[in-house]
Amino acid sequence: MRSSRSRGSSRGPLFCAVRLELELPFSSSLKDKRQTLRSLKDRLRRKNVSVVEADHQDLWQRATVELALAAVDRRAAEEKREEVRRALLNYEDLAILEWREEFVKL
C-alpha cells in the first residue's frame, strides 16, 4: 500500500478518494463477481462510504473499485479510511492488489 498524497491544511472538511485494484480469487463467473462486489458495496455503504466499480467489469477475478468519504477534519478522515481498510483486509473473498488514495481539502 502506498502512502497518501495531501493538499491543504489538516483543518476543515476533507474528501478522501481511494482507488483499489482487487483480485477476487473465488469468483468463477461474472455472477459470482457481481455478488461479491454487491456484498462489499453494501458493507461499505453502511459505513457512509460511496462505492463504485470503475474498471474490469468484464473480468471474473479482477475489479477496480473507487471509494469516497468525507470528514470534518484530517484526523476524522484518516480514522474513517483506516476503518474501511480494516474492513477490506478482513473480507476473505478478495485480495487488495493496489491501494491509491488522495486527500483533498473541500
PDB file of N, CA and C in Angstrom:
ATOM      1  N   MET A   1       0.831  -1.170   0.000  1.00  0.00           N
ATOM      2  CA  MET A   1       0.000   0.000   0.000  1.00  0.00           C
ATOM      3  C   MET A   1       0.881   1.240   0.000  1.00  0.00           C
ATOM      4  N   ARG A   2       0.482   2.201  -0.806  1.00  0.00           N
ATOM      5  CA  ARG A   2       1.271   3.413  -0.896  1.00  0.00           C
ATOM      6  C   ARG A   2       0.722   4.476   0.044  1.00  0.00           C
ATOM      7  N   SER A   3       1.570   5.408   0.384  1.00  0.00           N
ATOM      8  CA  SER A   3       1.133   6.478   1.270  1.00  0.00           C
ATOM      9  C   SER A   3       0.300   7.485   0.488  1.00  0.00           C
ATOM     10  N   SER A   4      -0.428   8.293   1.215  1.00  0.00           N
ATOM     11  CA  SER A   4      -1.334   9.237   0.588  1.00  0.00           C
ATOM     12  C   SER A   4      -0.626  10.503   0.149  1.00  0.00           C
ATOM     13  N   ARG A   5      -1.254  11.173  -0.758  1.00  0.00           N
ATOM     14  CA  ARG A   5      -0.812  12.484  -1.209  1.00  0.00           C
ATOM     15  C   ARG A   5      -1.819  13.473  -0.635  1.00  0.00           C
ATOM     16  N   SER A   6      -1.360  14.581  -0.154  1.00  0.00           N
ATOM     17  CA  SER A   6      -2.241  15.504   0.552  1.00  0.00           C
ATOM     18  C   SER A   6      -2.128  16.905  -0.010  1.00  0.00           C
ATOM     19  N   ARG A   7      -3.262  17.597  -0.007  1.00  0.00           N
ATOM     20  CA  ARG A   7      -3.287  19.008  -0.359  1.00  0.00           C
ATOM     21  C   ARG A   7      -4.017  19.752   0.740  1.00  0.00           C
ATOM     22  N   GLY A   8      -3.578  20.935   1.040  1.00  0.00           N
ATOM     23  CA  GLY A   8      -4.259  21.751   2.030  1.00  0.00           C
ATOM     24  C   GLY A   8      -3.813  21.447   3.442  1.00  0.00           C
ATOM     25  N   SER A   9      -4.381  22.187   4.375  1.00  0.00           N
ATOM     26  CA  SER A   9      -4.020  22.013   5.781  1.00  0.00           C
ATOM     27  C   SER A   9      -4.813  20.870   6.386  1.00  0.00           C
ATOM     28  N   SER A  10      -4.523  20.566   7.655  1.00  0.00           N
ATOM     29  CA  SER A  10      -5.192  19.461   8.326  1.00  0.00           C
ATOM     30  C   SER A  10      -6.515  19.885   8.951  1.00  0.00           C
ATOM     31  N   ARG A  11      -6.874  21.155   8.891  1.00  0.00           N
ATOM     32  CA  ARG A  11      -8.125  21.638   9.477  1.00  0.00           C
ATOM     33  C   ARG A  11      -9.167  21.871   8.404  1.00  0.00           C
ATOM     34  N   GLY A  12     -10.419  21.637   8.760  1.00  0.00           N
ATOM     35  CA  GLY A  12     -11.517  21.849   7.830  1.00  0.00           C
ATOM     36  C   GLY A  12     -11.913  20.569   7.121  1.00  0.00           C
ATOM     37  N   PRO A  13     -13.063  20.606   6.438  1.00  0.00           N
ATOM     38  CA  PRO A  13     -13.586  19.405   5.776  1.00  0.00           C
ATOM     39  C   PRO A  13     -12.619  18.844   4.737  1.00  0.00           C
ATOM     40  N   LEU A  14     -12.581  17.511   4.686  1.00  0.00           N
ATOM     41  CA  LEU A  14     -11.722  16.816   3.725  1.00  0.00           C
ATOM     42  C   LEU A  14     -12.525  15.759   2.992  1.00  0.00           C
ATOM     43  N   PHE A  15     -12.086  15.490   1.805  1.00  0.00           N
ATOM     44  CA  PHE A  15     -12.612  14.420   0.976  1.00  0.00           C
ATOM     45  C   PHE A  15     -11.472  13.436   0.775  1.00  0.00           C
ATOM     46  N   CYS A  16     -11.737  12.162   0.938  1.00  0.00           N
ATOM     47  CA  CYS A  16     -10.728  11.133   0.691  1.00  0.00           C
ATOM     48  C   CYS A  16     -11.235  10.237  -0.430  1.00  0.00           C
ATOM     49  N   ALA A  17     -10.445  10.114  -1.488  1.00  0.00           N
ATOM     50  CA  ALA A  17     -10.764   9.233  -2.602  1.00  0.00           C
ATOM     51  C   ALA A  17      -9.761   8.085  -2.596  1.00  0.00           C
ATOM     52  N   VAL A  18     -10.262   6.875  -2.764  1.00  0.00           N
ATOM     53  CA  VAL A  18      -9.412   5.679  -2.768  1.00  0.00           C
ATOM     54  C   VAL A  18      -9.734   4.876  -4.021  1.00  0.00           C
ATOM     55  N   ARG A  19      -8.698   4.468  -4.724  1.00  0.00           N
ATOM     56  CA  ARG A  19      -8.855   3.588  -5.887  1.00  0.00           C
ATOM     57  C   ARG A  19      -8.180   2.266  -5.563  1.00  0.00           C
ATOM     58  N   LEU A  20      -8.951   1.193  -5.650  1.00  0.00           N
ATOM     59  CA  LEU A  20      -8.457  -0.142  -5.302  1.00  0.00           C
ATOM     60  C   LEU A  20      -8.454  -1.048  -6.519  1.00  0.00           C
ATOM     61  N   GLU A  21      -7.352  -1.754  -6.677  1.00  0.00           N
ATOM     62  CA  GLU A  21      -7.291  -2.846  -7.645  1.00  0.00           C
ATOM     63  C   GLU A  21      -7.457  -4.118  -6.817  1.00  0.00           C
ATOM     64  N   LEU A  22      -8.475  -4.893  -7.131  1.00  0.00           N
ATOM     65  CA  LEU A  22      -8.803  -6.066  -6.333  1.00  0.00           C
ATOM     66  C   LEU A  22      -8.698  -7.350  -7.149  1.00  0.00           C
ATOM     67  N   GLU A  23      -8.332  -8.405  -6.460  1.00  0.00           N
ATOM     68  CA  GLU A  23      -8.394  -9.747  -7.027  1.00  0.00           C
ATOM     69  C   GLU A  23      -9.510 -10.482  -6.297  1.00  0.00           C
ATOM     70  N   LEU A  24     -10.334 -11.189  -7.044  1.00  0.00           N
ATOM     71  CA  LEU A  24     -11.432 -11.968  -6.486  1.00  0.00           C
ATOM     72  C   LEU A  24     -11.169 -13.440  -6.809  1.00  0.00           C
ATOM     73  N   PRO A  25     -10.307 -14.096  -6.043  1.00  0.00           N
ATOM     74  CA  PRO A  25      -9.828 -15.436  -6.411  1.00  0.00           C
ATOM     75  C   PRO A  25     -10.895 -16.526  -6.400  1.00  0.00           C
ATOM     76  N   PHE A  26     -11.995 -16.315  -5.699  1.00  0.00           N
ATOM     77  CA  PHE A  26     -13.020 -17.349  -5.592  1.00  0.00           C
ATOM     78  C   PHE A  26     -14.162 -17.163  -6.587  1.00  0.00           C
ATOM     79  N   SER A  27     -14.107 -16.118  -7.397  1.00  0.00           N
ATOM     80  CA  SER A  27     -15.136 -15.886  -8.403  1.00  0.00           C
ATOM     81  C   SER A  27     -14.876 -16.776  -9.611  1.00  0.00           C
ATOM     82  N   SER A  28     -15.885 -17.518 -10.008  1.00  0.00           N
ATOM     83  CA  SER A  28     -15.739 -18.385 -11.177  1.00  0.00           C
ATOM     84  C   SER A  28     -16.631 -17.933 -12.329  1.00  0.00           C
ATOM     85  N   SER A  29     -17.316 -16.809 -12.137  1.00  0.00           N
ATOM     86  CA  SER A  29     -18.166 -16.254 -13.191  1.00  0.00           C
ATOM     87  C   SER A  29     -18.409 -14.780 -12.895  1.00  0.00           C
ATOM     88  N   LEU A  30     -18.964 -14.083 -13.874  1.00  0.00           N
ATOM     89  CA  LEU A  30     -19.314 -12.680 -13.637  1.00  0.00           C
ATOM     90  C   LEU A  30     -20.417 -12.569 -12.585  1.00  0.00           C
ATOM     91  N   LYS A  31     -21.292 -13.578 -12.519  1.00  0.00           N
ATOM     92  CA  LYS A  31     -22.341 -13.584 -11.496  1.00  0.00           C
ATOM     93  C   LYS A  31     -21.730 -13.649 -10.096  1.00  0.00           C
ATOM     94  N   ASP A  32     -20.729 -14.515  -9.910  1.00  0.00           N
ATOM     95  CA  ASP A  32     -20.025 -14.591  -8.617  1.00  0.00           C
ATOM     96  C   ASP A  32     -19.378 -13.254  -8.277  1.00  0.00           C
ATOM     97  N   LYS A  33     -18.739 -12.651  -9.262  1.00  0.00           N
ATOM     98  CA  LYS A  33     -18.072 -11.364  -9.050  1.00  0.00           C
ATOM     99  C   LYS A  33     -19.086 -10.299  -8.629  1.00  0.00           C
ATOM    100  N   ARG A  34     -20.209 -10.211  -9.342  1.00  0.00           N
ATOM    101  CA  ARG A  34     -21.244  -9.220  -9.004  1.00  0.00           C
ATOM    102  C   ARG A  34     -21.753  -9.423  -7.584  1.00  0.00           C
ATOM    103  N   GLN A  35     -21.937 -10.681  -7.178  1.00  0.00           N
ATOM    104  CA  GLN A  35     -22.416 -10.977  -5.829  1.00  0.00           C
ATOM    105  C   GLN A  35     -21.398 -10.518  -4.780  1.00  0.00           C
ATOM    106  N   THR A  36     -20.121 -10.797  -5.013  1.00  0.00           N
ATOM    107  CA  THR A  36     -19.065 -10.388  -4.082  1.00  0.00           C
ATOM    108  C   THR A  36     -18.992  -8.873  -3.989  1.00  0.00           C
ATOM    109  N   LEU A  37     -19.006  -8.195  -5.127  1.00  0.00           N
ATOM    110  CA  LEU A  37     -18.922  -6.738  -5.115  1.00  0.00           C
ATOM    111  C   LEU A  37     -20.174  -6.100  -4.503  1.00  0.00           C
ATOM    112  N   ARG A  38     -21.331  -6.692  -4.732  1.00  0.00           N
ATOM    113  CA  ARG A  38     -22.556  -6.162  -4.126  1.00  0.00           C
ATOM    114  C   ARG A  38     -22.464  -6.241  -2.602  1.00  0.00           C
ATOM    115  N   SER A  39     -21.968  -7.366  -2.109  1.00  0.00           N
ATOM    116  CA  SER A  39     -21.789  -7.533  -0.666  1.00  0.00           C
ATOM    117  C   SER A  39     -20.789  -6.512  -0.121  1.00  0.00           C
ATOM    118  N   LEU A  40     -19.677  -6.340  -0.821  1.00  0.00           N
ATOM    119  CA  LEU A  40     -18.669  -5.364  -0.414  1.00  0.00           C
ATOM    120  C   LEU A  40     -19.247  -3.953  -0.394  1.00  0.00           C
ATOM    121  N   LYS A  41     -19.951  -3.582  -1.447  1.00  0.00           N
ATOM    122  CA  LYS A  41     -20.556  -2.242  -1.525  1.00  0.00           C
ATOM    123  C   LYS A  41     -21.541  -2.015  -0.384  1.00  0.00           C
ATOM    124  N   ASP A  42     -22.371  -3.023  -0.087  1.00  0.00           N
ATOM    125  CA  ASP A  42     -23.342  -2.892   0.998  1.00  0.00           C
ATOM    126  C   ASP A  42     -22.649  -2.680   2.340  1.00  0.00           C
ATOM    127  N   ARG A  43     -21.580  -3.427   2.597  1.00  0.00           N
ATOM    128  CA  ARG A  43     -20.838  -3.271   3.859  1.00  0.00           C
ATOM    129  C   ARG A  43     -20.241  -1.873   3.982  1.00  0.00           C
ATOM    130  N   LEU A  44     -19.645  -1.386   2.901  1.00  0.00           N
ATOM    131  CA  LEU A  44     -19.001  -0.074   2.965  1.00  0.00           C
ATOM    132  C   LEU A  44     -20.019   1.063   3.015  1.00  0.00           C
ATOM    133  N   ARG A  45     -21.130   0.910   2.340  1.00  0.00           N
ATOM    134  CA  ARG A  45     -22.163   1.957   2.370  1.00  0.00           C
ATOM    135  C   ARG A  45     -22.758   2.097   3.765  1.00  0.00           C
ATOM    136  N   ARG A  46     -22.785   0.998   4.532  1.00  0.00           N
ATOM    137  CA  ARG A  46     -23.244   1.080   5.927  1.00  0.00           C
ATOM    138  C   ARG A  46     -22.300   1.929   6.773  1.00  0.00           C
ATOM    139  N   LYS A  47     -21.073   2.122   6.283  1.00  0.00           N
ATOM    140  CA  LYS A  47     -20.088   2.962   6.963  1.00  0.00           C
ATOM    141  C   LYS A  47     -20.060   4.380   6.353  1.00  0.00           C
ATOM    142  N   ASN A  48     -21.083   4.721   5.577  1.00  0.00           N
ATOM    143  CA  ASN A  48     -21.189   6.033   4.920  1.00  0.00           C
ATOM    144  C   ASN A  48     -20.050   6.291   3.950  1.00  0.00           C
ATOM    145  N   VAL A  49     -19.708   5.283   3.174  1.00  0.00           N
ATOM    146  CA  VAL A  49     -18.675   5.388   2.153  1.00  0.00           C
ATOM    147  C   VAL A  49     -19.339   5.141   0.803  1.00  0.00           C
ATOM    148  N   SER A  50     -19.103   6.021  -0.156  1.00  0.00           N
ATOM    149  CA  SER A  50     -19.619   5.827  -1.506  1.00  0.00           C
ATOM    150  C   SER A  50     -18.695   4.882  -2.253  1.00  0.00           C
ATOM    151  N   VAL A  51     -19.283   3.991  -3.054  1.00  0.00           N
ATOM    152  CA  VAL A  51     -18.512   2.949  -3.741  1.00  0.00           C
ATOM    153  C   VAL A  51     -19.013   2.817  -5.173  1.00  0.00           C
ATOM    154  N   VAL A  52     -18.052   2.659  -6.105  1.00  0.00           N
ATOM    155  CA  VAL A  52     -18.410   2.404  -7.493  1.00  0.00           C
ATOM    156  C   VAL A  52     -17.373   1.474  -8.113  1.00  0.00           C
ATOM    157  N   GLU A  53     -17.830   0.544  -8.950  1.00  0.00           N
ATOM    158  CA  GLU A  53     -16.908  -0.292  -9.719  1.00  0.00           C
ATOM    159  C   GLU A  53     -16.486   0.525 -10.938  1.00  0.00           C
ATOM    160  N   ALA A  54     -15.181   0.734 -11.097  1.00  0.00           N
ATOM    161  CA  ALA A  54     -14.693   1.666 -12.108  1.00  0.00           C
ATOM    162  C   ALA A  54     -14.055   1.011 -13.327  1.00  0.00           C
ATOM    163  N   ASP A  55     -13.631  -0.251 -13.225  1.00  0.00           N
ATOM    164  CA  ASP A  55     -12.942  -0.880 -14.354  1.00  0.00           C
ATOM    165  C   ASP A  55     -12.973  -2.397 -14.195  1.00  0.00           C
ATOM    166  N   HIS A  56     -12.594  -3.089 -15.231  1.00  0.00           N
ATOM    167  CA  HIS A  56     -12.517  -4.553 -15.279  1.00  0.00           C
ATOM    168  C   HIS A  56     -13.895  -5.206 -15.115  1.00  0.00           C
ATOM    169  N   GLN A  57     -14.952  -4.560 -15.617  1.00  0.00           N
ATOM    170  CA  GLN A  57     -16.290  -5.128 -15.472  1.00  0.00           C
ATOM    171  C   GLN A  57     -16.447  -6.462 -16.197  1.00  0.00           C
ATOM    172  N   ASP A  58     -15.608  -6.724 -17.186  1.00  0.00           N
ATOM    173  CA  ASP A  58     -15.743  -7.949 -17.973  1.00  0.00           C
ATOM    174  C   ASP A  58     -14.828  -9.082 -17.502  1.00  0.00           C
ATOM    175  N   LEU A  59     -14.052  -8.875 -16.455  1.00  0.00           N
ATOM    176  CA  LEU A  59     -13.156  -9.908 -15.935  1.00  0.00           C
ATOM    177  C   LEU A  59     -13.733 -10.521 -14.665  1.00  0.00           C
ATOM    178  N   TRP A  60     -13.688 -11.824 -14.531  1.00  0.00           N
ATOM    179  CA  TRP A  60     -14.280 -12.524 -13.387  1.00  0.00           C
ATOM    180  C   TRP A  60     -13.545 -12.287 -12.094  1.00  0.00           C
ATOM    181  N   GLN A  61     -12.226 -12.260 -12.144  1.00  0.00           N
ATOM    182  CA  GLN A  61     -11.451 -12.256 -10.905  1.00  0.00           C
ATOM    183  C   GLN A  61     -10.687 -10.959 -10.662  1.00  0.00           C
ATOM    184  N   ARG A  62     -11.027  -9.903 -11.359  1.00  0.00           N
ATOM    185  CA  ARG A  62     -10.393  -8.595 -11.141  1.00  0.00           C
ATOM    186  C   ARG A  62     -11.479  -7.537 -11.052  1.00  0.00           C
ATOM    187  N   ALA A  63     -11.202  -6.517 -10.259  1.00  0.00           N
ATOM    188  CA  ALA A  63     -12.121  -5.383 -10.155  1.00  0.00           C
ATOM    189  C   ALA A  63     -11.328  -4.147  -9.758  1.00  0.00           C
ATOM    190  N   THR A  64     -11.742  -3.028 -10.279  1.00  0.00           N
ATOM    191  CA  THR A  64     -11.241  -1.735  -9.825  1.00  0.00           C
ATOM    192  C   THR A  64     -12.418  -1.036  -9.171  1.00  0.00           C
ATOM    193  N   VAL A  65     -12.239  -0.677  -7.913  1.00  0.00           N
ATOM    194  CA  VAL A  65     -13.298  -0.052  -7.134  1.00  0.00           C
ATOM    195  C   VAL A  65     -12.802   1.293  -6.640  1.00  0.00           C
ATOM    196  N   GLU A  66     -13.672   2.295  -6.718  1.00  0.00           N
ATOM    197  CA  GLU A  66     -13.332   3.620  -6.188  1.00  0.00           C
ATOM    198  C   GLU A  66     -14.259   3.936  -5.026  1.00  0.00           C
ATOM    199  N   LEU A  67     -13.655   4.441  -3.953  1.00  0.00           N
ATOM    200  CA  LEU A  67     -14.372   4.792  -2.733  1.00  0.00           C
ATOM    201  C   LEU A  67     -14.250   6.281  -2.493  1.00  0.00           C
ATOM    202  N   ALA A  68     -15.236   6.859  -1.858  1.00  0.00           N
ATOM    203  CA  ALA A  68     -15.169   8.266  -1.476  1.00  0.00           C
ATOM    204  C   ALA A  68     -15.779   8.427  -0.096  1.00  0.00           C
ATOM    205  N   LEU A  69     -15.119   9.249   0.710  1.00  0.00           N
ATOM    206  CA  LEU A  69     -15.654   9.573   2.023  1.00  0.00           C
ATOM    207  C   LEU A  69     -15.312  11.015   2.353  1.00  0.00           C
ATOM    208  N   ALA A  70     -16.136  11.604   3.169  1.00  0.00           N
ATOM    209  CA  ALA A  70     -15.919  12.987   3.599  1.00  0.00           C
ATOM    210  C   ALA A  70     -15.871  13.011   5.120  1.00  0.00           C
ATOM    211  N   ALA A  71     -15.113  13.951   5.645  1.00  0.00           N
ATOM    212  CA  ALA A  71     -14.981  14.084   7.095  1.00  0.00           C
ATOM    213  C   ALA A  71     -14.771  15.549   7.449  1.00  0.00           C
ATOM    214  N   VAL A  72     -14.962  15.863   8.722  1.00  0.00           N
ATOM    215  CA  VAL A  72     -14.866  17.254   9.164  1.00  0.00           C
ATOM    216  C   VAL A  72     -13.426  17.743   9.285  1.00  0.00           C
ATOM    217  N   ASP A  73     -12.474  16.808   9.464  1.00  0.00           N
ATOM    218  CA  ASP A  73     -11.065  17.199   9.535  1.00  0.00           C
ATOM    219  C   ASP A  73     -10.194  16.015   9.140  1.00  0.00           C
ATOM    220  N   ARG A  74      -8.905  16.252   9.059  1.00  0.00           N
ATOM    221  CA  ARG A  74      -7.982  15.209   8.594  1.00  0.00           C
ATOM    222  C   ARG A  74      -7.977  13.989   9.521  1.00  0.00           C
ATOM    223  N   ARG A  75      -7.978  14.225  10.819  1.00  0.00           N
ATOM    224  CA  ARG A  75      -7.962  13.107  11.767  1.00  0.00           C
ATOM    225  C   ARG A  75      -9.183  12.214  11.577  1.00  0.00           C
ATOM    226  N   ALA A  76     -10.352  12.812  11.433  1.00  0.00           N
ATOM    227  CA  ALA A  76     -11.577  12.036  11.228  1.00  0.00           C
ATOM    228  C   ALA A  76     -11.538  11.288   9.895  1.00  0.00           C
ATOM    229  N   ALA A  77     -11.001  11.918   8.861  1.00  0.00           N
ATOM    230  CA  ALA A  77     -10.886  11.267   7.550  1.00  0.00           C
ATOM    231  C   ALA A  77      -9.938  10.076   7.621  1.00  0.00           C
ATOM    232  N   GLU A  78      -8.811  10.242   8.318  1.00  0.00           N
ATOM    233  CA  GLU A  78      -7.858   9.136   8.451  1.00  0.00           C
ATOM    234  C   GLU A  78      -8.435   7.989   9.272  1.00  0.00           C
ATOM    235  N   GLU A  79      -9.199   8.318  10.317  1.00  0.00           N
ATOM    236  CA  GLU A  79      -9.832   7.275  11.122  1.00  0.00           C
ATOM    237  C   GLU A  79     -10.847   6.495  10.292  1.00  0.00           C
ATOM    238  N   LYS A  80     -11.656   7.200   9.510  1.00  0.00           N
ATOM    239  CA  LYS A  80     -12.647   6.549   8.658  1.00  0.00           C
ATOM    240  C   LYS A  80     -11.960   5.703   7.590  1.00  0.00           C
ATOM    241  N   ARG A  81     -10.895   6.236   6.998  1.00  0.00           N
ATOM    242  CA  ARG A  81     -10.139   5.498   5.985  1.00  0.00           C
ATOM    243  C   ARG A  81      -9.553   4.223   6.589  1.00  0.00           C
ATOM    244  N   GLU A  82      -9.035   4.316   7.810  1.00  0.00           N
ATOM    245  CA  GLU A  82      -8.464   3.147   8.482  1.00  0.00           C
ATOM    246  C   GLU A  82      -9.547   2.116   8.802  1.00  0.00           C
ATOM    247  N   GLU A  83     -10.716   2.570   9.181  1.00  0.00           N
ATOM    248  CA  GLU A  83     -11.848   1.670   9.434  1.00  0.00           C
ATOM    249  C   GLU A  83     -12.209   0.909   8.151  1.00  0.00           C
ATOM    250  N   VAL A  84     -12.222   1.605   7.028  1.00  0.00           N
ATOM    251  CA  VAL A  84     -12.503   0.983   5.732  1.00  0.00           C
ATOM    252  C   VAL A  84     -11.401  -0.014   5.383  1.00  0.00           C
ATOM    253  N   ARG A  85     -10.153   0.372   5.587  1.00  0.00           N
ATOM    254  CA  ARG A  85      -9.026  -0.505   5.276  1.00  0.00           C
ATOM    255  C   ARG A  85      -9.112  -1.811   6.076  1.00  0.00           C
ATOM    256  N   ARG A  86      -9.403  -1.698   7.367  1.00  0.00           N
ATOM    257  CA  ARG A  86      -9.536  -2.897   8.202  1.00  0.00           C
ATOM    258  C   ARG A  86     -10.678  -3.791   7.719  1.00  0.00           C
ATOM    259  N   ALA A  87     -11.793  -3.178   7.352  1.00  0.00           N
ATOM    260  CA  ALA A  87     -12.928  -3.963   6.854  1.00  0.00           C
ATOM    261  C   ALA A  87     -12.552  -4.713   5.573  1.00  0.00           C
ATOM    262  N   LEU A  88     -11.818  -4.055   4.687  1.00  0.00           N
ATOM    263  CA  LEU A  88     -11.412  -4.702   3.441  1.00  0.00           C
ATOM    264  C   LEU A  88     -10.398  -5.814   3.681  1.00  0.00           C
ATOM    265  N   LEU A  89      -9.462  -5.588   4.593  1.00  0.00           N
ATOM    266  CA  LEU A  89      -8.461  -6.614   4.879  1.00  0.00           C
ATOM    267  C   LEU A  89      -9.084  -7.850   5.523  1.00  0.00           C
ATOM    268  N   ASN A  90     -10.203  -7.686   6.209  1.00  0.00           N
ATOM    269  CA  ASN A  90     -10.890  -8.806   6.846  1.00  0.00           C
ATOM    270  C   ASN A  90     -11.897  -9.495   5.925  1.00  0.00           C
ATOM    271  N   TYR A  91     -12.053  -8.966   4.722  1.00  0.00           N
ATOM    272  CA  TYR A  91     -13.004  -9.530   3.757  1.00  0.00           C
ATOM    273  C   TYR A  91     -12.310 -10.673   3.024  1.00  0.00           C
ATOM    274  N   GLU A  92     -12.708 -11.901   3.285  1.00  0.00           N
ATOM    275  CA  GLU A  92     -11.988 -13.083   2.813  1.00  0.00           C
ATOM    276  C   GLU A  92     -12.142 -13.360   1.324  1.00  0.00           C
ATOM    277  N   ASP A  93     -13.136 -12.773   0.671  1.00  0.00           N
ATOM    278  CA  ASP A  93     -13.400 -13.081  -0.735  1.00  0.00           C
ATOM    279  C   ASP A  93     -12.579 -12.253  -1.711  1.00  0.00           C
ATOM    280  N   LEU A  94     -11.683 -11.412  -1.194  1.00  0.00           N
ATOM    281  CA  LEU A  94     -10.899 -10.582  -2.098  1.00  0.00           C
ATOM    282  C   LEU A  94      -9.507 -10.323  -1.545  1.00  0.00           C
ATOM    283  N   ALA A  95      -8.634  -9.920  -2.453  1.00  0.00           N
ATOM    284  CA  ALA A  95      -7.279  -9.509  -2.082  1.00  0.00           C
ATOM    285  C   ALA A  95      -7.030  -8.136  -2.698  1.00  0.00           C
ATOM    286  N   ILE A  96      -6.423  -7.250  -1.929  1.00  0.00           N
ATOM    287  CA  ILE A  96      -6.101  -5.914  -2.420  1.00  0.00           C
ATOM    288  C   ILE A  96      -4.756  -5.984  -3.130  1.00  0.00           C
ATOM    289  N   LEU A  97      -4.747  -5.683  -4.429  1.00  0.00           N
ATOM    290  CA  LEU A  97      -3.518  -5.683  -5.208  1.00  0.00           C
ATOM    291  C   LEU A  97      -2.850  -4.313  -5.184  1.00  0.00           C
ATOM    292  N   GLU A  98      -3.672  -3.262  -5.155  1.00  0.00           N
ATOM    293  CA  GLU A  98      -3.125  -1.899  -5.122  1.00  0.00           C
ATOM    294  C   GLU A  98      -4.117  -0.986  -4.413  1.00  0.00           C
ATOM    295  N   TRP A  99      -3.568  -0.057  -3.650  1.00  0.00           N
ATOM    296  CA  TRP A  99      -4.374   0.925  -2.906  1.00  0.00           C
ATOM    297  C   TRP A  99      -3.778   2.295  -3.188  1.00  0.00           C
ATOM    298  N   ARG A 100      -4.555   3.166  -3.820  1.00  0.00           N
ATOM    299  CA  ARG A 100      -4.123   4.547  -4.061  1.00  0.00           C
ATOM    300  C   ARG A 100      -5.146   5.475  -3.428  1.00  0.00           C
ATOM    301  N   GLU A 101      -4.670   6.473  -2.742  1.00  0.00           N
ATOM    302  CA  GLU A 101      -5.591   7.382  -2.072  1.00  0.00           C
ATOM    303  C   GLU A 101      -5.114   8.816  -2.205  1.00  0.00           C
ATOM    304  N   GLU A 102      -6.062   9.715  -2.051  1.00  0.00           N
ATOM    305  CA  GLU A 102      -5.749  11.127  -2.079  1.00  0.00           C
ATOM    306  C   GLU A 102      -6.716  11.851  -1.147  1.00  0.00           C
ATOM    307  N   PHE A 103      -6.177  12.749  -0.355  1.00  0.00           N
ATOM    308  CA  PHE A 103      -6.987  13.622   0.491  1.00  0.00           C
ATOM    309  C   PHE A 103      -7.060  14.990  -0.186  1.00  0.00           C
ATOM    310  N   VAL A 104      -8.256  15.532  -0.250  1.00  0.00           N
ATOM    311  CA  VAL A 104      -8.449  16.840  -0.852  1.00  0.00           C
ATOM    312  C   VAL A 104      -9.241  17.705   0.111  1.00  0.00           C
ATOM    313  N   LYS A 105      -8.736  18.895   0.397  1.00  0.00           N
ATOM    314  CA  LYS A 105      -9.459  19.824   1.264  1.00  0.00           C
ATOM    315  C   LYS A 105     -10.631  20.396   0.513  1.00  0.00           C
ATOM    316  N   LEU A 106     -11.814  20.342   1.133  1.00  0.00           N
ATOM    317  CA  LEU A 106     -13.022  20.865   0.488  1.00  0.00           C
ATOM    318  C   LEU A 106     -13.128  22.360   0.668  1.00  0.00           C
TER     319      LEU A 106
END
